């Protein structure tokens, strides 16, 4: 963001960032639950008829790809949720440090 006097200002609400991290965690949990439920589903393709052949050729590869996607998505959401929580803590720390620094300088700008 642009700030006054030709400087740049960055502003973020650590509480909002932390809420975002919690939302990512909840979505990650939901995706992981879906993944675990889908892993329990078994479709058996017995025989050599057209239905069994279609299941082996169409359903099984798609099911495997879907499981892989959901597993990777859950990992990605977990990772980014943790990174977002770390960012929230960092923003809190920077805000406290900036306030302390401004207080120690007597509120004067240099």
PDB file of N, CA and C in Angstrom:
ATOM      1  N   UNK A   1       0.829  -1.180   0.000  1.00  0.00           N
ATOM      2  CA  UNK A   1       0.000   0.000   0.000  1.00  0.00           C
ATOM      3  C   UNK A   1       0.870   1.238   0.000  1.00  0.00           C
ATOM      4  N   UNK A   2       0.389   2.294  -0.565  1.00  0.00           N
ATOM      5  CA  UNK A   2       1.118   3.560  -0.548  1.00  0.00           C
ATOM      6  C   UNK A   2       0.806   4.292   0.734  1.00  0.00           C
ATOM      7  N   UNK A   3       1.808   4.948   1.265  1.00  0.00           N
ATOM      8  CA  UNK A   3       1.628   5.735   2.467  1.00  0.00           C
ATOM      9  C   UNK A   3       1.885   7.191   2.166  1.00  0.00           C
ATOM     10  N   UNK A   4       1.718   8.009   3.177  1.00  0.00           N
ATOM     11  CA  UNK A   4       1.969   9.423   3.006  1.00  0.00           C
ATOM     12  C   UNK A   4       3.458   9.723   2.963  1.00  0.00           C
ATOM     13  N   UNK A   5       3.788  10.915   2.599  1.00  0.00           N
ATOM     14  CA  UNK A   5       5.169  11.419   2.565  1.00  0.00           C
ATOM     15  C   UNK A   5       6.082  10.541   1.727  1.00  0.00           C
ATOM     16  N   UNK A   6       5.573   9.936   0.664  1.00  0.00           N
ATOM     17  CA  UNK A   6       6.410   9.168  -0.251  1.00  0.00           C
ATOM     18  C   UNK A   6       6.825   7.806   0.274  1.00  0.00           C
ATOM     19  N   UNK A   7       6.365   7.418   1.456  1.00  0.00           N
ATOM     20  CA  UNK A   7       6.735   6.128   2.022  1.00  0.00           C
ATOM     21  C   UNK A   7       5.713   5.067   1.702  1.00  0.00           C
ATOM     22  N   UNK A   8       6.019   3.862   2.124  1.00  0.00           N
ATOM     23  CA  UNK A   8       5.090   2.750   1.948  1.00  0.00           C
ATOM     24  C   UNK A   8       4.606   2.281   3.306  1.00  0.00           C
ATOM     25  N   UNK A   9       3.380   1.879   3.362  1.00  0.00           N
ATOM     26  CA  UNK A   9       2.783   1.400   4.596  1.00  0.00           C
ATOM     27  C   UNK A   9       2.210   0.021   4.332  1.00  0.00           C
ATOM     28  N   UNK A  10       2.501  -0.892   5.230  1.00  0.00           N
ATOM     29  CA  UNK A  10       1.905  -2.223   5.175  1.00  0.00           C
ATOM     30  C   UNK A  10       1.058  -2.363   6.422  1.00  0.00           C
ATOM     31  N   UNK A  11      -0.175  -2.757   6.250  1.00  0.00           N
ATOM     32  CA  UNK A  11      -1.060  -2.944   7.393  1.00  0.00           C
ATOM     33  C   UNK A  11      -1.797  -4.265   7.243  1.00  0.00           C
ATOM     34  N   UNK A  12      -1.883  -4.985   8.342  1.00  0.00           N
ATOM     35  CA  UNK A  12      -2.620  -6.247   8.351  1.00  0.00           C
ATOM     36  C   UNK A  12      -3.180  -6.458   9.750  1.00  0.00           C
ATOM     37  N   UNK A  13      -4.320  -7.063   9.818  1.00  0.00           N
ATOM     38  CA  UNK A  13      -4.952  -7.372  11.098  1.00  0.00           C
ATOM     39  C   UNK A  13      -4.585  -8.802  11.477  1.00  0.00           C
ATOM     40  N   UNK A  14      -3.705  -8.978  12.466  1.00  0.00           N
ATOM     41  CA  UNK A  14      -3.297 -10.334  12.853  1.00  0.00           C
ATOM     42  C   UNK A  14      -4.475 -11.228  13.242  1.00  0.00           C
ATOM     43  N   UNK A  15      -5.489 -10.642  13.845  1.00  0.00           N
ATOM     44  CA  UNK A  15      -6.670 -11.432  14.221  1.00  0.00           C
ATOM     45  C   UNK A  15      -7.378 -11.994  13.001  1.00  0.00           C
ATOM     46  N   UNK A  16      -7.506 -11.172  11.968  1.00  0.00           N
ATOM     47  CA  UNK A  16      -8.146 -11.632  10.724  1.00  0.00           C
ATOM     48  C   UNK A  16      -7.283 -12.695  10.048  1.00  0.00           C
ATOM     49  N   UNK A  17      -5.971 -12.485  10.053  1.00  0.00           N
ATOM     50  CA  UNK A  17      -5.070 -13.477   9.452  1.00  0.00           C
ATOM     51  C   UNK A  17      -5.179 -14.796  10.214  1.00  0.00           C
ATOM     52  N   UNK A  18      -5.245 -14.721  11.540  1.00  0.00           N
ATOM     53  CA  UNK A  18      -5.385 -15.932  12.348  1.00  0.00           C
ATOM     54  C   UNK A  18      -6.708 -16.637  12.074  1.00  0.00           C
ATOM     55  N   UNK A  19      -7.766 -15.871  11.908  1.00  0.00           N
ATOM     56  CA  UNK A  19      -9.066 -16.480  11.559  1.00  0.00           C
ATOM     57  C   UNK A  19      -8.979 -17.186  10.204  1.00  0.00           C
ATOM     58  N   UNK A  20      -8.258 -16.567   9.267  1.00  0.00           N
ATOM     59  CA  UNK A  20      -8.044 -17.215   7.971  1.00  0.00           C
ATOM     60  C   UNK A  20      -7.312 -18.540   8.120  1.00  0.00           C
ATOM     61  N   UNK A  21      -6.311 -18.564   9.002  1.00  0.00           N
ATOM     62  CA  UNK A  21      -5.567 -19.800   9.256  1.00  0.00           C
ATOM     63  C   UNK A  21      -6.493 -20.877   9.821  1.00  0.00           C
ATOM     64  N   UNK A  22      -7.370 -20.479  10.718  1.00  0.00           N
ATOM     65  CA  UNK A  22      -8.319 -21.444  11.306  1.00  0.00           C
ATOM     66  C   UNK A  22      -9.292 -21.965  10.243  1.00  0.00           C
ATOM     67  N   UNK A  23      -9.709 -21.086   9.348  1.00  0.00           N
ATOM     68  CA  UNK A  23     -10.595 -21.525   8.260  1.00  0.00           C
ATOM     69  C   UNK A  23      -9.885 -22.529   7.349  1.00  0.00           C
ATOM     70  N   UNK A  24      -8.629 -22.250   7.030  1.00  0.00           N
ATOM     71  CA  UNK A  24      -7.857 -23.202   6.215  1.00  0.00           C
ATOM     72  C   UNK A  24      -7.732 -24.542   6.928  1.00  0.00           C
ATOM     73  N   UNK A  25      -7.532 -24.508   8.238  1.00  0.00           N
ATOM     74  CA  UNK A  25      -7.456 -25.748   9.004  1.00  0.00           C
ATOM     75  C   UNK A  25      -8.758 -26.527   8.960  1.00  0.00           C
ATOM     76  N   UNK A  26      -9.872 -25.815   9.066  1.00  0.00           N
ATOM     77  CA  UNK A  26     -11.182 -26.486   9.017  1.00  0.00           C
ATOM     78  C   UNK A  26     -11.433 -27.095   7.637  1.00  0.00           C
ATOM     79  N   UNK A  27     -11.062 -26.369   6.590  1.00  0.00           N
ATOM     80  CA  UNK A  27     -11.225 -26.898   5.233  1.00  0.00           C
ATOM     81  C   UNK A  27     -10.329 -28.113   5.038  1.00  0.00           C
ATOM     82  N   UNK A  28      -9.113 -28.040   5.560  1.00  0.00           N
ATOM     83  CA  UNK A  28      -8.186 -29.168   5.475  1.00  0.00           C
ATOM     84  C   UNK A  28      -8.763 -30.403   6.161  1.00  0.00           C
ATOM     85  N   UNK A  29      -9.344 -30.210   7.335  1.00  0.00           N
ATOM     86  CA  UNK A  29      -9.964 -31.327   8.058  1.00  0.00           C
ATOM     87  C   UNK A  29     -11.113 -31.928   7.259  1.00  0.00           C
ATOM     88  N   UNK A  30     -11.911 -31.070   6.642  1.00  0.00           N
ATOM     89  CA  UNK A  30     -13.041 -31.534   5.827  1.00  0.00           C
ATOM     90  C   UNK A  30     -12.550 -32.362   4.643  1.00  0.00           C
ATOM     91  N   UNK A  31     -11.535 -31.861   3.943  1.00  0.00           N
ATOM     92  CA  UNK A  31     -10.986 -32.584   2.790  1.00  0.00           C
ATOM     93  C   UNK A  31     -10.383 -33.915   3.242  1.00  0.00           C
ATOM     94  N   UNK A  32      -9.687 -33.920   4.379  1.00  0.00           N
ATOM     95  CA  UNK A  32      -9.101 -35.160   4.895  1.00  0.00           C
ATOM     96  C   UNK A  32     -10.203 -36.167   5.245  1.00  0.00           C
ATOM     97  N   UNK A  33     -11.303 -35.703   5.812  1.00  0.00           N
ATOM     98  CA  UNK A  33     -12.426 -36.596   6.122  1.00  0.00           C
ATOM     99  C   UNK A  33     -13.017 -37.195   4.847  1.00  0.00           C
ATOM    100  N   UNK A  34     -13.190 -36.375   3.829  1.00  0.00           N
ATOM    101  CA  UNK A  34     -13.717 -36.867   2.549  1.00  0.00           C
ATOM    102  C   UNK A  34     -12.763 -37.911   1.974  1.00  0.00           C
ATOM    103  N   UNK A  35     -11.479 -37.610   2.014  1.00  0.00           N
ATOM    104  CA  UNK A  35     -10.452 -38.541   1.523  1.00  0.00           C
ATOM    105  C   UNK A  35     -10.550 -39.882   2.252  1.00  0.00           C
ATOM    106  N   UNK A  36     -10.635 -39.827   3.574  1.00  0.00           N
ATOM    107  CA  UNK A  36     -10.702 -41.073   4.352  1.00  0.00           C
ATOM    108  C   UNK A  36     -11.975 -41.858   4.086  1.00  0.00           C
ATOM    109  N   UNK A  37     -13.077 -41.167   3.902  1.00  0.00           N
ATOM    110  CA  UNK A  37     -14.335 -41.862   3.586  1.00  0.00           C
ATOM    111  C   UNK A  37     -14.268 -42.510   2.203  1.00  0.00           C
ATOM    112  N   UNK A  38     -13.729 -41.783   1.236  1.00  0.00           N
ATOM    113  CA  UNK A  38     -13.655 -42.327  -0.123  1.00  0.00           C
ATOM    114  C   UNK A  38     -12.712 -43.523  -0.217  1.00  0.00           C
ATOM    115  N   UNK A  39     -11.671 -43.544   0.617  1.00  0.00           N
ATOM    116  CA  UNK A  39     -10.740 -44.684   0.605  1.00  0.00           C
ATOM    117  C   UNK A  39     -11.425 -45.979   1.012  1.00  0.00           C
ATOM    118  N   UNK A  40     -12.497 -45.864   1.775  1.00  0.00           N
ATOM    119  CA  UNK A  40     -13.218 -47.053   2.256  1.00  0.00           C
ATOM    120  C   UNK A  40     -14.146 -47.656   1.201  1.00  0.00           C
ATOM    121  N   UNK A  41     -14.405 -46.919   0.149  1.00  0.00           N
ATOM    122  CA  UNK A  41     -15.317 -47.397  -0.890  1.00  0.00           C
ATOM    123  C   UNK A  41     -14.572 -48.351  -1.815  1.00  0.00           C
ATOM    124  N   UNK A  42     -15.164 -49.503  -2.000  1.00  0.00           N
ATOM    125  CA  UNK A  42     -14.569 -50.497  -2.897  1.00  0.00           C
ATOM    126  C   UNK A  42     -15.609 -50.906  -3.925  1.00  0.00           C
ATOM    127  N   UNK A  43     -15.245 -50.820  -5.173  1.00  0.00           N
ATOM    128  CA  UNK A  43     -16.111 -51.273  -6.256  1.00  0.00           C
ATOM    129  C   UNK A  43     -15.389 -52.441  -6.910  1.00  0.00           C
ATOM    130  N   UNK A  44     -16.009 -53.609  -6.836  1.00  0.00           N
ATOM    131  CA  UNK A  44     -15.397 -54.802  -7.402  1.00  0.00           C
ATOM    132  C   UNK A  44     -15.890 -55.021  -8.823  1.00  0.00           C
ATOM    133  N   UNK A  45     -14.968 -55.267  -9.699  1.00  0.00           N
ATOM    134  CA  UNK A  45     -15.307 -55.496 -11.101  1.00  0.00           C
ATOM    135  C   UNK A  45     -14.995 -56.956 -11.422  1.00  0.00           C
ATOM    136  N   UNK A  46     -15.907 -57.839 -11.049  1.00  0.00           N
ATOM    137  CA  UNK A  46     -15.724 -59.264 -11.325  1.00  0.00           C
ATOM    138  C   UNK A  46     -16.178 -59.592 -12.739  1.00  0.00           C
ATOM    139  N   UNK A  47     -15.497 -60.508 -13.347  1.00  0.00           N
ATOM    140  CA  UNK A  47     -15.899 -60.969 -14.668  1.00  0.00           C
ATOM    141  C   UNK A  47     -15.277 -60.151 -15.779  1.00  0.00           C
ATOM    142  N   UNK A  48     -15.718 -60.486 -16.998  1.00  0.00           N
ATOM    143  CA  UNK A  48     -15.178 -59.830 -18.192  1.00  0.00           C
ATOM    144  C   UNK A  48     -16.258 -59.147 -19.016  1.00  0.00           C
ATOM    145  N   UNK A  49     -17.416 -58.913 -18.396  1.00  0.00           N
ATOM    146  CA  UNK A  49     -18.515 -58.273 -19.112  1.00  0.00           C
ATOM    147  C   UNK A  49     -18.251 -56.785 -19.319  1.00  0.00           C
ATOM    148  N   UNK A  50     -19.156 -56.132 -20.055  1.00  0.00           N
ATOM    149  CA  UNK A  50     -18.964 -54.716 -20.377  1.00  0.00           C
ATOM    150  C   UNK A  50     -18.970 -53.802 -19.135  1.00  0.00           C
ATOM    151  N   UNK A  51     -19.765 -54.154 -18.124  1.00  0.00           N
ATOM    152  CA  UNK A  51     -19.805 -53.315 -16.921  1.00  0.00           C
ATOM    153  C   UNK A  51     -18.497 -53.455 -16.150  1.00  0.00           C
ATOM    154  N   UNK A  52     -18.026 -54.677 -15.965  1.00  0.00           N
ATOM    155  CA  UNK A  52     -16.763 -54.893 -15.255  1.00  0.00           C
ATOM    156  C   UNK A  52     -15.609 -54.235 -16.008  1.00  0.00           C
ATOM    157  N   UNK A  53     -15.633 -54.370 -17.331  1.00  0.00           N
ATOM    158  CA  UNK A  53     -14.583 -53.767 -18.145  1.00  0.00           C
ATOM    159  C   UNK A  53     -14.619 -52.235 -18.015  1.00  0.00           C
ATOM    160  N   UNK A  54     -15.802 -51.643 -18.056  1.00  0.00           N
ATOM    161  CA  UNK A  54     -15.942 -50.186 -17.929  1.00  0.00           C
ATOM    162  C   UNK A  54     -15.459 -49.704 -16.559  1.00  0.00           C
ATOM    163  N   UNK A  55     -15.770 -50.472 -15.521  1.00  0.00           N
ATOM    164  CA  UNK A  55     -15.304 -50.102 -14.181  1.00  0.00           C
ATOM    165  C   UNK A  55     -13.784 -50.112 -14.131  1.00  0.00           C
ATOM    166  N   UNK A  56     -13.169 -51.168 -14.651  1.00  0.00           N
ATOM    167  CA  UNK A  56     -11.702 -51.260 -14.627  1.00  0.00           C
ATOM    168  C   UNK A  56     -11.050 -50.172 -15.473  1.00  0.00           C
ATOM    169  N   UNK A  57     -11.637 -49.872 -16.614  1.00  0.00           N
ATOM    170  CA  UNK A  57     -11.013 -48.919 -17.528  1.00  0.00           C
ATOM    171  C   UNK A  57     -11.324 -47.455 -17.200  1.00  0.00           C
ATOM    172  N   UNK A  58     -12.507 -47.196 -16.652  1.00  0.00           N
ATOM    173  CA  UNK A  58     -12.935 -45.814 -16.444  1.00  0.00           C
ATOM    174  C   UNK A  58     -12.983 -45.400 -14.973  1.00  0.00           C
ATOM    175  N   UNK A  59     -13.665 -46.205 -14.171  1.00  0.00           N
ATOM    176  CA  UNK A  59     -13.870 -45.820 -12.773  1.00  0.00           C
ATOM    177  C   UNK A  59     -12.591 -45.918 -11.955  1.00  0.00           C
ATOM    178  N   UNK A  60     -11.909 -47.046 -12.030  1.00  0.00           N
ATOM    179  CA  UNK A  60     -10.751 -47.266 -11.150  1.00  0.00           C
ATOM    180  C   UNK A  60      -9.647 -46.219 -11.345  1.00  0.00           C
ATOM    181  N   UNK A  61      -9.258 -45.888 -12.584  1.00  0.00           N
ATOM    182  CA  UNK A  61      -8.236 -44.836 -12.728  1.00  0.00           C
ATOM    183  C   UNK A  61      -8.716 -43.466 -12.218  1.00  0.00           C
ATOM    184  N   UNK A  62      -9.969 -43.142 -12.485  1.00  0.00           N
ATOM    185  CA  UNK A  62     -10.509 -41.857 -12.016  1.00  0.00           C
ATOM    186  C   UNK A  62     -10.589 -41.819 -10.503  1.00  0.00           C
ATOM    187  N   UNK A  63     -10.997 -42.919  -9.890  1.00  0.00           N
ATOM    188  CA  UNK A  63     -11.075 -42.987  -8.429  1.00  0.00           C
ATOM    189  C   UNK A  63      -9.689 -42.821  -7.816  1.00  0.00           C
ATOM    190  N   UNK A  64      -8.689 -43.477  -8.394  1.00  0.00           N
ATOM    191  CA  UNK A  64      -7.318 -43.358  -7.892  1.00  0.00           C
ATOM    192  C   UNK A  64      -6.811 -41.922  -8.030  1.00  0.00           C
ATOM    193  N   UNK A  65      -7.076 -41.298  -9.170  1.00  0.00           N
ATOM    194  CA  UNK A  65      -6.658 -39.906  -9.383  1.00  0.00           C
ATOM    195  C   UNK A  65      -7.358 -38.960  -8.403  1.00  0.00           C
ATOM    196  N   UNK A  66      -8.625 -39.200  -8.156  1.00  0.00           N
ATOM    197  CA  UNK A  66      -9.381 -38.356  -7.222  1.00  0.00           C
ATOM    198  C   UNK A  66      -8.821 -38.480  -5.806  1.00  0.00           C
ATOM    199  N   UNK A  67      -8.522 -39.701  -5.400  1.00  0.00           N
ATOM    200  CA  UNK A  67      -7.944 -39.892  -4.069  1.00  0.00           C
ATOM    201  C   UNK A  67      -6.591 -39.197  -3.947  1.00  0.00           C
ATOM    202  N   UNK A  68      -5.790 -39.322  -4.980  1.00  0.00           N
ATOM    203  CA  UNK A  68      -4.483 -38.664  -4.960  1.00  0.00           C
ATOM    204  C   UNK A  68      -4.666 -37.152  -4.843  1.00  0.00           C
ATOM    205  N   UNK A  69      -5.578 -36.594  -5.639  1.00  0.00           N
ATOM    206  CA  UNK A  69      -5.847 -35.159  -5.604  1.00  0.00           C
ATOM    207  C   UNK A  69      -6.296 -34.720  -4.214  1.00  0.00           C
ATOM    208  N   UNK A  70      -7.256 -35.422  -3.621  1.00  0.00           N
ATOM    209  CA  UNK A  70      -7.773 -35.036  -2.309  1.00  0.00           C
ATOM    210  C   UNK A  70      -6.701 -35.137  -1.230  1.00  0.00           C
ATOM    211  N   UNK A  71      -5.879 -36.177  -1.302  1.00  0.00           N
ATOM    212  CA  UNK A  71      -4.793 -36.321  -0.332  1.00  0.00           C
ATOM    213  C   UNK A  71      -3.799 -35.173  -0.423  1.00  0.00           C
ATOM    214  N   UNK A  72      -3.434 -34.823  -1.650  1.00  0.00           N
ATOM    215  CA  UNK A  72      -2.492 -33.720  -1.846  1.00  0.00           C
ATOM    216  C   UNK A  72      -3.114 -32.375  -1.465  1.00  0.00           C
ATOM    217  N   UNK A  73      -4.391 -32.207  -1.757  1.00  0.00           N
ATOM    218  CA  UNK A  73      -5.086 -30.970  -1.386  1.00  0.00           C
ATOM    219  C   UNK A  73      -5.121 -30.815   0.129  1.00  0.00           C
ATOM    220  N   UNK A  74      -5.392 -31.884   0.852  1.00  0.00           N
ATOM    221  CA  UNK A  74      -5.408 -31.828   2.322  1.00  0.00           C
ATOM    222  C   UNK A  74      -4.035 -31.427   2.846  1.00  0.00           C
ATOM    223  N   UNK A  75      -2.971 -31.992   2.279  1.00  0.00           N
ATOM    224  CA  UNK A  75      -1.613 -31.633   2.702  1.00  0.00           C
ATOM    225  C   UNK A  75      -1.330 -30.153   2.421  1.00  0.00           C
ATOM    226  N   UNK A  76      -1.718 -29.699   1.250  1.00  0.00           N
ATOM    227  CA  UNK A  76      -1.485 -28.309   0.863  1.00  0.00           C
ATOM    228  C   UNK A  76      -2.226 -27.353   1.795  1.00  0.00           C
ATOM    229  N   UNK A  77      -3.472 -27.662   2.095  1.00  0.00           N
ATOM    230  CA  UNK A  77      -4.259 -26.817   2.988  1.00  0.00           C
ATOM    231  C   UNK A  77      -3.677 -26.805   4.401  1.00  0.00           C
ATOM    232  N   UNK A  78      -3.225 -27.954   4.867  1.00  0.00           N
ATOM    233  CA  UNK A  78      -2.609 -28.025   6.193  1.00  0.00           C
ATOM    234  C   UNK A  78      -1.347 -27.165   6.238  1.00  0.00           C
ATOM    235  N   UNK A  79      -0.510 -27.295   5.214  1.00  0.00           N
ATOM    236  CA  UNK A  79       0.731 -26.523   5.156  1.00  0.00           C
ATOM    237  C   UNK A  79       0.444 -25.021   5.140  1.00  0.00           C
ATOM    238  N   UNK A  80      -0.460 -24.593   4.262  1.00  0.00           N
ATOM    239  CA  UNK A  80      -0.731 -23.162   4.145  1.00  0.00           C
ATOM    240  C   UNK A  80      -1.491 -22.621   5.353  1.00  0.00           C
ATOM    241  N   UNK A  81      -2.289 -23.455   5.988  1.00  0.00           N
ATOM    242  CA  UNK A  81      -2.929 -23.043   7.239  1.00  0.00           C
ATOM    243  C   UNK A  81      -1.888 -22.778   8.318  1.00  0.00           C
ATOM    244  N   UNK A  82      -0.894 -23.660   8.415  1.00  0.00           N
ATOM    245  CA  UNK A  82       0.179 -23.479   9.397  1.00  0.00           C
ATOM    246  C   UNK A  82       1.014 -22.238   9.062  1.00  0.00           C
ATOM    247  N   UNK A  83       1.300 -22.037   7.786  1.00  0.00           N
ATOM    248  CA  UNK A  83       2.074 -20.861   7.371  1.00  0.00           C
ATOM    249  C   UNK A  83       1.301 -19.571   7.668  1.00  0.00           C
ATOM    250  N   UNK A  84       0.003 -19.603   7.471  1.00  0.00           N
ATOM    251  CA  UNK A  84      -0.825 -18.430   7.739  1.00  0.00           C
ATOM    252  C   UNK A  84      -0.877 -18.152   9.244  1.00  0.00           C
ATOM    253  N   UNK A  85      -0.952 -19.202  10.055  1.00  0.00           N
ATOM    254  CA  UNK A  85      -0.907 -19.027  11.515  1.00  0.00           C
ATOM    255  C   UNK A  85       0.437 -18.435  11.935  1.00  0.00           C
ATOM    256  N   UNK A  86       1.517 -18.896  11.324  1.00  0.00           N
ATOM    257  CA  UNK A  86       2.846 -18.332  11.616  1.00  0.00           C
ATOM    258  C   UNK A  86       2.897 -16.855  11.247  1.00  0.00           C
ATOM    259  N   UNK A  87       2.320 -16.503  10.112  1.00  0.00           N
ATOM    260  CA  UNK A  87       2.282 -15.104   9.686  1.00  0.00           C
ATOM    261  C   UNK A  87       1.513 -14.259  10.697  1.00  0.00           C
ATOM    262  N   UNK A  88       0.419 -14.780  11.199  1.00  0.00           N
ATOM    263  CA  UNK A  88      -0.371 -14.054  12.187  1.00  0.00           C
ATOM    264  C   UNK A  88       0.458 -13.771  13.441  1.00  0.00           C
ATOM    265  N   UNK A  89       1.194 -14.773  13.911  1.00  0.00           N
ATOM    266  CA  UNK A  89       2.045 -14.574  15.090  1.00  0.00           C
ATOM    267  C   UNK A  89       3.154 -13.552  14.794  1.00  0.00           C
ATOM    268  N   UNK A  90       3.719 -13.620  13.606  1.00  0.00           N
ATOM    269  CA  UNK A  90       4.757 -12.662  13.217  1.00  0.00           C
ATOM    270  C   UNK A  90       4.202 -11.241  13.183  1.00  0.00           C
ATOM    271  N   UNK A  91       3.016 -11.088  12.602  1.00  0.00           N
ATOM    272  CA  UNK A  91       2.404  -9.756  12.541  1.00  0.00           C
ATOM    273  C   UNK A  91       2.135  -9.220  13.940  1.00  0.00           C
ATOM    274  N   UNK A  92       1.682 -10.075  14.838  1.00  0.00           N
ATOM    275  CA  UNK A  92       1.478  -9.673  16.231  1.00  0.00           C
ATOM    276  C   UNK A  92       2.788  -9.185  16.838  1.00  0.00           C
ATOM    277  N   UNK A  93       3.833  -9.955  16.640  1.00  0.00           N
ATOM    278  CA  UNK A  93       5.146  -9.629  17.196  1.00  0.00           C
ATOM    279  C   UNK A  93       5.679  -8.314  16.628  1.00  0.00           C
ATOM    280  N   UNK A  94       5.536  -8.134  15.311  1.00  0.00           N
ATOM    281  CA  UNK A  94       5.998  -6.896  14.678  1.00  0.00           C
ATOM    282  C   UNK A  94       5.202  -5.707  15.207  1.00  0.00           C
ATOM    283  N   UNK A  95       3.912  -5.881  15.372  1.00  0.00           N
ATOM    284  CA  UNK A  95       3.073  -4.795  15.902  1.00  0.00           C
ATOM    285  C   UNK A  95       3.486  -4.411  17.310  1.00  0.00           C
ATOM    286  N   UNK A  96       3.753  -5.385  18.148  1.00  0.00           N
ATOM    287  CA  UNK A  96       4.184  -5.115  19.518  1.00  0.00           C
ATOM    288  C   UNK A  96       5.545  -4.416  19.515  1.00  0.00           C
ATOM    289  N   UNK A  97       6.459  -4.926  18.697  1.00  0.00           N
ATOM    290  CA  UNK A  97       7.792  -4.315  18.617  1.00  0.00           C
ATOM    291  C   UNK A  97       7.723  -2.887  18.107  1.00  0.00           C
ATOM    292  N   UNK A  98       6.903  -2.649  17.110  1.00  0.00           N
ATOM    293  CA  UNK A  98       6.770  -1.297  16.556  1.00  0.00           C
ATOM    294  C   UNK A  98       6.180  -0.351  17.591  1.00  0.00           C
ATOM    295  N   UNK A  99       5.211  -0.828  18.347  1.00  0.00           N
ATOM    296  CA  UNK A  99       4.604  -0.001  19.395  1.00  0.00           C
ATOM    297  C   UNK A  99       5.628   0.302  20.480  1.00  0.00           C
ATOM    298  N   UNK A 100       6.380  -0.717  20.886  1.00  0.00           N
ATOM    299  CA  UNK A 100       7.417  -0.509  21.903  1.00  0.00           C
ATOM    300  C   UNK A 100       8.473   0.471  21.413  1.00  0.00           C
ATOM    301  N   UNK A 101       8.889   0.336  20.170  1.00  0.00           N
ATOM    302  CA  UNK A 101       9.898   1.229  19.604  1.00  0.00           C
ATOM    303  C   UNK A 101       9.379   2.663  19.544  1.00  0.00           C
ATOM    304  N   UNK A 102       8.154   2.816  19.116  1.00  0.00           N
ATOM    305  CA  UNK A 102       7.567   4.159  19.041  1.00  0.00           C
ATOM    306  C   UNK A 102       7.438   4.761  20.437  1.00  0.00           C
ATOM    307  N   UNK A 103       7.090   3.959  21.421  1.00  0.00           N
ATOM    308  CA  UNK A 103       6.964   4.450  22.790  1.00  0.00           C
ATOM    309  C   UNK A 103       8.315   4.853  23.360  1.00  0.00           C
ATOM    310  N   UNK A 104       9.327   4.058  23.081  1.00  0.00           N
ATOM    311  CA  UNK A 104      10.662   4.363  23.605  1.00  0.00           C
ATOM    312  C   UNK A 104      11.270   5.601  22.943  1.00  0.00           C
ATOM    313  N   UNK A 105      10.828   5.909  21.752  1.00  0.00           N
ATOM    314  CA  UNK A 105      11.323   7.096  21.051  1.00  0.00           C
ATOM    315  C   UNK A 105      10.509   8.333  21.427  1.00  0.00           C
ATOM    316  N   UNK A 106       9.612   8.148  22.360  1.00  0.00           N
ATOM    317  CA  UNK A 106       8.801   9.292  22.802  1.00  0.00           C
ATOM    318  C   UNK A 106       7.797   9.739  21.764  1.00  0.00           C
ATOM    319  N   UNK A 107       7.469   8.824  20.865  1.00  0.00           N
ATOM    320  CA  UNK A 107       6.479   9.162  19.851  1.00  0.00           C
ATOM    321  C   UNK A 107       7.031  10.079  18.771  1.00  0.00           C
ATOM    322  N   UNK A 108       8.350  10.351  18.799  1.00  0.00           N
ATOM    323  CA  UNK A 108       8.950  11.237  17.799  1.00  0.00           C
ATOM    324  C   UNK A 108       9.266  10.471  16.531  1.00  0.00           C
ATOM    325  N   UNK A 109       9.131  11.131  15.416  1.00  0.00           N
ATOM    326  CA  UNK A 109       9.515  10.517  14.124  1.00  0.00           C
ATOM    327  C   UNK A 109      10.910  10.969  13.796  1.00  0.00           C
ATOM    328  N   UNK A 110      11.684  10.062  13.241  1.00  0.00           N
ATOM    329  CA  UNK A 110      13.070  10.390  12.853  1.00  0.00           C
ATOM    330  C   UNK A 110      13.190  10.395  11.365  1.00  0.00           C
TER     331      UNK A 110
END
